[in-house]
Amino acid sequence: MEIVEAAHENPDVSIIMPLRDFEKMMAGRLSATAAFIAGKLKIRGDMALALKLQSLIKSSPR
């Protein structure tokens, strides 16, 4: 899996959210599920691939 912040001609998945909310999510103060339900996290493309975000967040150093 490759994470890139840039325009791509044909991305498999795009995850869109405000930086402040992303920082909270990475710090463990906001779950991806809660952000999605609240409309703070938008997903375009392969939802299954986007769900892998949870495991990346859990394994990232805080």
C-alpha atoms as a PDB file:
ATOM      1  CA  MET A   1       0.000   0.000   0.000  1.00  0.00           C
ATOM      2  CA  GLU A   2       1.249   3.471  -0.847  1.00  0.00           C
ATOM      3  CA  ILE A   3      -0.033   6.666   0.746  1.00  0.00           C
ATOM      4  CA  VAL A   4       0.387   9.791  -1.360  1.00  0.00           C
ATOM      5  CA  GLU A   5      -0.811  13.335  -0.856  1.00  0.00           C
ATOM      6  CA  ALA A   6      -1.219  14.494  -4.433  1.00  0.00           C
ATOM      7  CA  ALA A   7      -3.517  14.394  -7.395  1.00  0.00           C
ATOM      8  CA  HIS A   8      -3.585  11.022  -9.111  1.00  0.00           C
ATOM      9  CA  GLU A   9      -5.179  10.182 -12.412  1.00  0.00           C
ATOM     10  CA  ASN A  10      -6.942   7.026 -11.207  1.00  0.00           C
ATOM     11  CA  PRO A  11      -6.638   6.422  -7.426  1.00  0.00           C
ATOM     12  CA  ASP A  12      -7.950   3.183  -5.895  1.00  0.00           C
ATOM     13  CA  VAL A  13      -9.277   5.141  -2.943  1.00  0.00           C
ATOM     14  CA  SER A  14      -9.283   8.772  -1.848  1.00  0.00           C
ATOM     15  CA  ILE A  15      -9.728   9.740   1.786  1.00  0.00           C
ATOM     16  CA  ILE A  16     -10.712  13.346   2.353  1.00  0.00           C
ATOM     17  CA  MET A  17     -10.798  15.014   5.759  1.00  0.00           C
ATOM     18  CA  PRO A  18      -9.655  18.232   7.437  1.00  0.00           C
ATOM     19  CA  LEU A  19      -6.078  18.172   8.728  1.00  0.00           C
ATOM     20  CA  ARG A  20      -7.186  18.912  12.300  1.00  0.00           C
ATOM     21  CA  ASP A  21      -9.452  15.840  12.321  1.00  0.00           C
ATOM     22  CA  PHE A  22      -6.752  13.690  10.705  1.00  0.00           C
ATOM     23  CA  GLU A  23      -4.319  14.708  13.438  1.00  0.00           C
ATOM     24  CA  LYS A  24      -6.902  13.797  16.100  1.00  0.00           C
ATOM     25  CA  MET A  25      -7.466  10.447  14.405  1.00  0.00           C
ATOM     26  CA  MET A  26      -3.745   9.685  14.242  1.00  0.00           C
ATOM     27  CA  ALA A  27      -3.361  10.662  17.922  1.00  0.00           C
ATOM     28  CA  GLY A  28      -6.157   8.262  18.891  1.00  0.00           C
ATOM     29  CA  ARG A  29      -8.586  11.000  19.940  1.00  0.00           C
ATOM     30  CA  LEU A  30     -10.994  10.386  17.020  1.00  0.00           C
ATOM     31  CA  SER A  31     -11.932   7.035  15.532  1.00  0.00           C
ATOM     32  CA  ALA A  32     -12.207   6.677  11.777  1.00  0.00           C
ATOM     33  CA  THR A  33     -15.713   5.269  12.228  1.00  0.00           C
ATOM     34  CA  ALA A  34     -16.862   8.253  14.285  1.00  0.00           C
ATOM     35  CA  ALA A  35     -15.285  10.657  11.792  1.00  0.00           C
ATOM     36  CA  PHE A  36     -17.032   8.912   8.884  1.00  0.00           C
ATOM     37  CA  ILE A  37     -20.427   8.916  10.605  1.00  0.00           C
ATOM     38  CA  ALA A  38     -20.036  12.606  11.519  1.00  0.00           C
ATOM     39  CA  GLY A  39     -19.175  13.477   7.919  1.00  0.00           C
ATOM     40  CA  LYS A  40     -15.624  14.525   8.837  1.00  0.00           C
ATOM     41  CA  LEU A  41     -14.134  11.672   6.778  1.00  0.00           C
ATOM     42  CA  LYS A  42     -15.171  11.127   3.184  1.00  0.00           C
ATOM     43  CA  ILE A  43     -14.183   8.103   1.121  1.00  0.00           C
ATOM     44  CA  ARG A  44     -14.199   7.844  -2.650  1.00  0.00           C
ATOM     45  CA  GLY A  45     -13.393   4.561  -4.318  1.00  0.00           C
ATOM     46  CA  ASP A  46     -12.602   1.140  -2.833  1.00  0.00           C
ATOM     47  CA  MET A  47     -14.236   1.065   0.617  1.00  0.00           C
ATOM     48  CA  ALA A  48     -12.471  -2.198   1.548  1.00  0.00           C
ATOM     49  CA  LEU A  49      -9.117  -0.558   0.913  1.00  0.00           C
ATOM     50  CA  ALA A  50     -10.170   2.457   2.963  1.00  0.00           C
ATOM     51  CA  LEU A  51     -11.058   0.161   5.878  1.00  0.00           C
ATOM     52  CA  LYS A  52      -7.381  -0.804   6.060  1.00  0.00           C
ATOM     53  CA  LEU A  53      -6.841   2.709   7.392  1.00  0.00           C
ATOM     54  CA  GLN A  54      -7.955   1.485  10.821  1.00  0.00           C
ATOM     55  CA  SER A  55      -5.107  -1.032  11.007  1.00  0.00           C
ATOM     56  CA  LEU A  56      -2.600   1.577   9.847  1.00  0.00           C
ATOM     57  CA  ILE A  57      -3.747   3.978  12.539  1.00  0.00           C
ATOM     58  CA  LYS A  58      -3.610   1.341  15.262  1.00  0.00           C
ATOM     59  CA  SER A  59      -0.066   0.332  14.290  1.00  0.00           C
ATOM     60  CA  SER A  60       1.291   3.878  13.932  1.00  0.00           C
ATOM     61  CA  PRO A  61       3.451   5.336  16.700  1.00  0.00           C
ATOM     62  CA  ARG A  62       1.692   8.034  18.714  1.00  0.00           C
END
